[in-house]
């Protein structure tokens, strides 16, 4: 959170009809705390890659190092952090024989072209 982003966001909110803005709520301390924990779980390696971050997040969820606060400022809570056995999945439409595989993969083509061995 930068000073510029705080000023721009506050101006936008005040211009949208809000009477006041609690800028103290712009704090990113909780996010920074999570990233700090992820870096600490990588040991002496300060170059965290995606695999190491996912591994650290798995350790966090399994061990319960971090947990959601009972007094959090959210409207509703599905479950406490790490206690969701499975999130509800969106309905999947049945595929038909006429669907072209190319059409299904088209949105992912750019990512697939980065890894030519995968095609």
N, C-alpha and C. Protein backbone atom coordinates (compact mmCIF):
# COMPACT_ATOMS: atom_id res chain seq x y z
N UNK A 1 0.86 -1.16 0.00
CA UNK A 1 0.00 0.00 0.00
C UNK A 1 0.90 1.22 0.00
N UNK A 2 0.77 2.03 -1.03
CA UNK A 2 1.60 3.23 -1.14
C UNK A 2 0.79 4.47 -0.79
N UNK A 3 1.49 5.57 -0.59
CA UNK A 3 0.80 6.83 -0.31
C UNK A 3 -0.07 7.24 -1.48
N UNK A 4 0.45 7.06 -2.69
CA UNK A 4 -0.31 7.41 -3.89
C UNK A 4 -1.58 6.59 -3.99
N UNK A 5 -1.48 5.28 -3.77
CA UNK A 5 -2.68 4.43 -3.86
C UNK A 5 -3.69 4.78 -2.77
N UNK A 6 -3.20 5.15 -1.59
CA UNK A 6 -4.10 5.55 -0.50
C UNK A 6 -4.85 6.82 -0.87
N UNK A 7 -4.13 7.80 -1.40
CA UNK A 7 -4.77 9.07 -1.80
C UNK A 7 -5.78 8.84 -2.91
N UNK A 8 -5.39 8.07 -3.94
CA UNK A 8 -6.30 7.82 -5.06
C UNK A 8 -7.54 7.06 -4.63
N UNK A 9 -7.36 6.06 -3.80
CA UNK A 9 -8.51 5.27 -3.33
C UNK A 9 -9.43 6.12 -2.46
N UNK A 10 -8.84 6.94 -1.60
CA UNK A 10 -9.65 7.81 -0.74
C UNK A 10 -10.44 8.82 -1.57
N UNK A 11 -9.79 9.42 -2.55
CA UNK A 11 -10.50 10.36 -3.44
C UNK A 11 -11.65 9.66 -4.16
N UNK A 12 -11.39 8.46 -4.65
CA UNK A 12 -12.44 7.71 -5.36
C UNK A 12 -13.62 7.43 -4.44
N UNK A 13 -13.35 6.97 -3.23
CA UNK A 13 -14.43 6.64 -2.30
C UNK A 13 -15.22 7.89 -1.89
N UNK A 14 -14.52 8.98 -1.62
CA UNK A 14 -15.21 10.22 -1.25
C UNK A 14 -16.03 10.76 -2.42
N UNK A 15 -15.49 10.61 -3.63
CA UNK A 15 -16.22 11.04 -4.83
C UNK A 15 -17.40 10.15 -5.15
N UNK A 16 -17.40 8.93 -4.62
CA UNK A 16 -18.49 7.98 -4.86
C UNK A 16 -19.61 8.10 -3.84
N UNK A 17 -19.49 9.05 -2.92
CA UNK A 17 -20.58 9.28 -1.98
C UNK A 17 -20.30 8.86 -0.54
N UNK A 18 -19.13 8.32 -0.26
CA UNK A 18 -18.81 7.98 1.12
C UNK A 18 -18.58 9.26 1.91
N UNK A 19 -19.06 9.30 3.15
CA UNK A 19 -18.90 10.48 4.00
C UNK A 19 -17.51 10.55 4.62
N UNK A 20 -16.92 9.40 4.90
CA UNK A 20 -15.58 9.36 5.49
C UNK A 20 -14.92 8.04 5.08
N UNK A 21 -13.60 7.99 5.23
CA UNK A 21 -12.82 6.81 4.86
C UNK A 21 -11.86 6.50 6.00
N UNK A 22 -11.87 5.25 6.45
CA UNK A 22 -10.95 4.80 7.50
C UNK A 22 -9.68 4.29 6.83
N UNK A 23 -8.71 5.17 6.64
CA UNK A 23 -7.49 4.78 5.93
C UNK A 23 -6.67 3.76 6.70
N UNK A 24 -6.90 3.63 8.00
CA UNK A 24 -6.17 2.61 8.76
C UNK A 24 -6.53 1.20 8.30
N UNK A 25 -7.69 1.05 7.65
CA UNK A 25 -8.11 -0.26 7.15
C UNK A 25 -7.38 -0.64 5.87
N UNK A 26 -6.56 0.25 5.33
CA UNK A 26 -5.79 -0.04 4.12
C UNK A 26 -4.55 -0.87 4.43
N UNK A 27 -4.31 -1.18 5.66
CA UNK A 27 -3.10 -1.87 6.07
C UNK A 27 -2.97 -3.22 5.38
N UNK A 28 -1.76 -3.55 4.98
CA UNK A 28 -1.49 -4.85 4.37
C UNK A 28 -0.64 -5.71 5.30
N UNK A 29 -0.69 -5.43 6.60
CA UNK A 29 0.13 -6.16 7.57
C UNK A 29 -0.17 -7.66 7.57
N UNK A 30 -1.44 -8.03 7.42
CA UNK A 30 -1.79 -9.45 7.43
C UNK A 30 -1.21 -10.17 6.22
N UNK A 31 -1.25 -9.52 5.07
CA UNK A 31 -0.68 -10.12 3.86
C UNK A 31 0.83 -10.24 4.01
N UNK A 32 1.47 -9.19 4.52
CA UNK A 32 2.91 -9.23 4.73
C UNK A 32 3.29 -10.32 5.73
N UNK A 33 2.48 -10.53 6.74
CA UNK A 33 2.73 -11.59 7.72
C UNK A 33 2.69 -12.96 7.06
N UNK A 34 1.71 -13.17 6.16
CA UNK A 34 1.62 -14.44 5.45
C UNK A 34 2.85 -14.65 4.58
N UNK A 35 3.26 -13.62 3.82
CA UNK A 35 4.44 -13.76 2.97
C UNK A 35 5.70 -14.00 3.80
N UNK A 36 5.79 -13.36 4.96
CA UNK A 36 6.93 -13.57 5.84
C UNK A 36 6.99 -15.02 6.32
N UNK A 37 5.84 -15.57 6.67
CA UNK A 37 5.79 -16.97 7.11
C UNK A 37 6.19 -17.90 5.97
N UNK A 38 5.73 -17.61 4.76
CA UNK A 38 6.09 -18.44 3.60
C UNK A 38 7.60 -18.40 3.39
N UNK A 39 8.21 -17.20 3.48
CA UNK A 39 9.66 -17.09 3.30
C UNK A 39 10.40 -17.84 4.41
N UNK A 40 9.93 -17.76 5.65
CA UNK A 40 10.59 -18.44 6.76
C UNK A 40 10.56 -19.95 6.61
N UNK A 41 9.48 -20.47 6.04
CA UNK A 41 9.37 -21.92 5.88
C UNK A 41 10.27 -22.46 4.78
N UNK A 42 10.89 -21.57 4.00
CA UNK A 42 11.83 -22.00 2.97
C UNK A 42 13.24 -22.13 3.50
N UNK A 43 13.44 -21.91 4.77
CA UNK A 43 14.77 -22.05 5.35
C UNK A 43 15.68 -20.91 4.92
N UNK A 44 16.90 -21.25 4.54
CA UNK A 44 17.88 -20.22 4.18
C UNK A 44 17.74 -19.75 2.74
N UNK A 45 16.84 -20.35 1.97
CA UNK A 45 16.65 -19.96 0.58
C UNK A 45 15.78 -18.71 0.51
N UNK A 46 16.36 -17.58 0.08
CA UNK A 46 15.58 -16.35 0.00
C UNK A 46 14.96 -16.13 -1.37
N UNK A 47 15.13 -17.07 -2.28
CA UNK A 47 14.54 -16.98 -3.62
C UNK A 47 13.34 -17.92 -3.68
N UNK A 48 12.19 -17.46 -3.21
CA UNK A 48 11.00 -18.29 -3.16
C UNK A 48 10.40 -18.43 -4.55
N UNK A 49 10.25 -19.65 -5.02
CA UNK A 49 9.57 -19.89 -6.30
C UNK A 49 8.16 -20.40 -6.02
N UNK A 50 7.41 -20.66 -7.08
CA UNK A 50 6.01 -21.06 -6.92
C UNK A 50 5.89 -22.39 -6.17
N UNK A 51 6.76 -23.35 -6.48
CA UNK A 51 6.70 -24.65 -5.82
C UNK A 51 6.97 -24.51 -4.32
N UNK A 52 7.97 -23.71 -3.98
CA UNK A 52 8.30 -23.51 -2.56
C UNK A 52 7.16 -22.80 -1.83
N UNK A 53 6.53 -21.84 -2.51
CA UNK A 53 5.41 -21.12 -1.88
C UNK A 53 4.23 -22.06 -1.65
N UNK A 54 3.91 -22.91 -2.63
CA UNK A 54 2.82 -23.86 -2.45
C UNK A 54 3.13 -24.87 -1.35
N UNK A 55 4.38 -25.31 -1.30
CA UNK A 55 4.78 -26.24 -0.25
C UNK A 55 4.66 -25.59 1.12
N UNK A 56 5.07 -24.33 1.22
CA UNK A 56 4.97 -23.61 2.49
C UNK A 56 3.51 -23.41 2.88
N UNK A 57 2.65 -23.07 1.92
CA UNK A 57 1.23 -22.91 2.22
C UNK A 57 0.62 -24.21 2.71
N UNK A 58 1.05 -25.33 2.12
CA UNK A 58 0.55 -26.63 2.57
C UNK A 58 0.98 -26.88 4.02
N UNK A 59 2.23 -26.56 4.34
CA UNK A 59 2.71 -26.72 5.72
C UNK A 59 1.91 -25.85 6.68
N UNK A 60 1.62 -24.62 6.25
CA UNK A 60 0.86 -23.69 7.09
C UNK A 60 -0.52 -24.26 7.38
N UNK A 61 -1.18 -24.78 6.35
CA UNK A 61 -2.53 -25.29 6.54
C UNK A 61 -2.55 -26.57 7.37
N UNK A 62 -1.57 -27.44 7.16
CA UNK A 62 -1.54 -28.72 7.88
C UNK A 62 -1.20 -28.51 9.35
N UNK A 63 -0.22 -27.66 9.62
CA UNK A 63 0.23 -27.48 11.00
C UNK A 63 -0.62 -26.48 11.78
N UNK A 64 -1.36 -25.64 11.08
CA UNK A 64 -2.18 -24.65 11.77
C UNK A 64 -1.38 -23.49 12.33
N UNK A 65 -0.22 -23.21 11.71
CA UNK A 65 0.62 -22.09 12.17
C UNK A 65 -0.18 -20.79 12.13
N UNK A 66 -0.90 -20.58 11.06
CA UNK A 66 -1.76 -19.41 10.92
C UNK A 66 -3.20 -19.86 10.95
N UNK A 67 -4.06 -19.02 11.44
CA UNK A 67 -5.48 -19.34 11.42
C UNK A 67 -6.27 -18.06 11.25
N UNK A 68 -7.49 -18.18 10.78
CA UNK A 68 -8.33 -17.00 10.60
C UNK A 68 -8.82 -16.52 11.96
N UNK A 69 -9.00 -15.24 12.07
CA UNK A 69 -9.41 -14.63 13.33
C UNK A 69 -10.92 -14.73 13.50
N UNK A 70 -11.36 -15.01 14.73
CA UNK A 70 -12.80 -15.04 15.01
C UNK A 70 -13.41 -13.65 14.94
N UNK A 71 -12.58 -12.62 15.11
CA UNK A 71 -13.09 -11.25 15.09
C UNK A 71 -12.76 -10.54 13.79
N UNK A 72 -12.57 -11.29 12.71
CA UNK A 72 -12.24 -10.69 11.42
C UNK A 72 -13.40 -9.84 10.92
N UNK A 73 -13.08 -8.88 10.07
CA UNK A 73 -14.10 -7.98 9.57
C UNK A 73 -14.66 -8.46 8.22
N UNK A 74 -15.18 -9.68 8.21
CA UNK A 74 -15.79 -10.24 7.01
C UNK A 74 -17.25 -10.53 7.30
N UNK A 75 -18.06 -10.52 6.23
CA UNK A 75 -19.49 -10.73 6.40
C UNK A 75 -19.84 -12.15 6.79
N UNK A 76 -19.24 -13.12 6.14
CA UNK A 76 -19.54 -14.51 6.46
C UNK A 76 -18.28 -15.34 6.29
N UNK A 77 -18.20 -16.42 7.02
CA UNK A 77 -17.05 -17.30 6.97
C UNK A 77 -17.54 -18.69 6.60
N UNK A 78 -16.94 -19.27 5.57
CA UNK A 78 -17.30 -20.62 5.17
C UNK A 78 -16.80 -21.61 6.21
N UNK A 79 -15.54 -21.47 6.59
CA UNK A 79 -14.94 -22.30 7.64
C UNK A 79 -13.62 -21.64 8.02
N UNK A 80 -13.03 -22.11 9.08
CA UNK A 80 -11.74 -21.57 9.49
C UNK A 80 -10.67 -21.98 8.49
N UNK A 81 -9.63 -21.18 8.38
CA UNK A 81 -8.56 -21.42 7.44
C UNK A 81 -7.97 -22.81 7.65
N UNK A 82 -7.89 -23.58 6.58
CA UNK A 82 -7.32 -24.91 6.65
C UNK A 82 -8.29 -26.00 7.01
N UNK A 83 -9.55 -25.67 7.32
CA UNK A 83 -10.51 -26.68 7.71
C UNK A 83 -11.48 -27.04 6.60
N UNK A 84 -11.35 -26.42 5.45
CA UNK A 84 -12.24 -26.74 4.33
C UNK A 84 -11.77 -28.04 3.71
N UNK A 85 -12.60 -29.07 3.78
CA UNK A 85 -12.20 -30.34 3.19
C UNK A 85 -12.26 -30.26 1.67
N UNK A 86 -13.27 -29.59 1.16
CA UNK A 86 -13.38 -29.42 -0.29
C UNK A 86 -14.32 -28.25 -0.56
N UNK A 87 -13.85 -27.32 -1.37
CA UNK A 87 -14.70 -26.20 -1.73
C UNK A 87 -15.73 -26.66 -2.75
N UNK A 88 -16.91 -26.07 -2.74
CA UNK A 88 -17.91 -26.47 -3.72
C UNK A 88 -17.41 -26.16 -5.13
N UNK A 89 -17.53 -27.13 -6.00
CA UNK A 89 -17.05 -26.94 -7.36
C UNK A 89 -18.18 -26.45 -8.25
N UNK A 90 -17.84 -25.64 -9.25
CA UNK A 90 -18.88 -25.15 -10.16
C UNK A 90 -19.42 -26.31 -10.99
N UNK A 91 -20.67 -26.22 -11.41
CA UNK A 91 -21.24 -27.31 -12.21
C UNK A 91 -20.48 -27.46 -13.52
N UNK A 92 -20.25 -28.70 -13.90
CA UNK A 92 -19.52 -29.01 -15.13
C UNK A 92 -20.53 -29.48 -16.16
N UNK A 93 -20.49 -28.83 -17.33
CA UNK A 93 -21.42 -29.25 -18.37
C UNK A 93 -20.87 -30.50 -19.06
N UNK A 94 -21.78 -31.34 -19.47
CA UNK A 94 -21.39 -32.57 -20.14
C UNK A 94 -20.84 -32.24 -21.52
N UNK A 95 -19.71 -32.81 -21.86
CA UNK A 95 -19.13 -32.55 -23.17
C UNK A 95 -19.80 -33.43 -24.21
N UNK A 96 -19.88 -32.89 -25.39
CA UNK A 96 -20.47 -33.64 -26.49
C UNK A 96 -19.39 -33.99 -27.48
N UNK A 97 -19.68 -34.94 -28.33
CA UNK A 97 -18.70 -35.40 -29.31
C UNK A 97 -18.38 -34.31 -30.32
N UNK A 98 -19.28 -33.38 -30.52
CA UNK A 98 -19.06 -32.34 -31.52
C UNK A 98 -18.13 -31.23 -31.04
N UNK A 99 -17.84 -31.19 -29.73
CA UNK A 99 -16.95 -30.15 -29.24
C UNK A 99 -15.53 -30.41 -29.73
N UNK A 100 -14.92 -29.38 -30.20
CA UNK A 100 -13.57 -29.49 -30.73
C UNK A 100 -12.57 -29.26 -29.60
N UNK A 101 -11.59 -30.13 -29.49
CA UNK A 101 -10.57 -30.00 -28.46
C UNK A 101 -9.82 -28.68 -28.60
N UNK A 102 -9.63 -28.25 -29.83
CA UNK A 102 -8.94 -26.98 -30.07
C UNK A 102 -9.66 -25.81 -29.46
N UNK A 103 -11.00 -25.82 -29.51
CA UNK A 103 -11.78 -24.74 -28.92
C UNK A 103 -11.64 -24.74 -27.40
N UNK A 104 -11.55 -25.93 -26.82
CA UNK A 104 -11.40 -26.02 -25.38
C UNK A 104 -10.03 -25.52 -24.91
N UNK A 105 -9.00 -25.77 -25.73
CA UNK A 105 -7.64 -25.40 -25.35
C UNK A 105 -7.26 -23.99 -25.79
N UNK A 106 -8.08 -23.35 -26.61
CA UNK A 106 -7.75 -22.03 -27.15
C UNK A 106 -7.41 -21.01 -26.07
N UNK A 107 -8.17 -20.90 -24.97
CA UNK A 107 -7.79 -19.92 -23.95
C UNK A 107 -6.43 -20.20 -23.30
N UNK A 108 -5.97 -21.43 -23.38
CA UNK A 108 -4.72 -21.83 -22.72
C UNK A 108 -3.57 -21.96 -23.70
N UNK A 109 -3.78 -21.57 -24.96
CA UNK A 109 -2.78 -21.77 -26.00
C UNK A 109 -1.49 -21.03 -25.69
N UNK A 110 -1.58 -19.80 -25.23
CA UNK A 110 -0.37 -19.02 -24.95
C UNK A 110 0.49 -19.70 -23.89
N UNK A 111 -0.14 -20.24 -22.86
CA UNK A 111 0.62 -20.93 -21.81
C UNK A 111 1.22 -22.23 -22.34
N UNK A 112 0.47 -22.94 -23.19
CA UNK A 112 0.97 -24.20 -23.73
C UNK A 112 2.14 -23.98 -24.68
N UNK A 113 2.14 -22.85 -25.40
CA UNK A 113 3.23 -22.58 -26.34
C UNK A 113 4.54 -22.30 -25.62
N UNK A 114 4.47 -21.90 -24.36
CA UNK A 114 5.69 -21.65 -23.59
C UNK A 114 6.43 -22.94 -23.28
N UNK A 115 5.71 -24.04 -23.26
CA UNK A 115 6.29 -25.34 -22.93
C UNK A 115 6.08 -26.28 -24.11
N UNK A 116 6.93 -26.19 -25.14
CA UNK A 116 6.71 -26.98 -26.35
C UNK A 116 6.74 -28.49 -26.11
N UNK A 117 7.45 -28.96 -25.10
CA UNK A 117 7.49 -30.38 -24.83
C UNK A 117 6.18 -30.93 -24.31
N UNK A 118 5.30 -30.05 -23.85
CA UNK A 118 4.02 -30.48 -23.29
C UNK A 118 3.00 -30.79 -24.37
N UNK A 119 3.17 -30.21 -25.57
CA UNK A 119 2.18 -30.41 -26.63
C UNK A 119 2.30 -31.76 -27.28
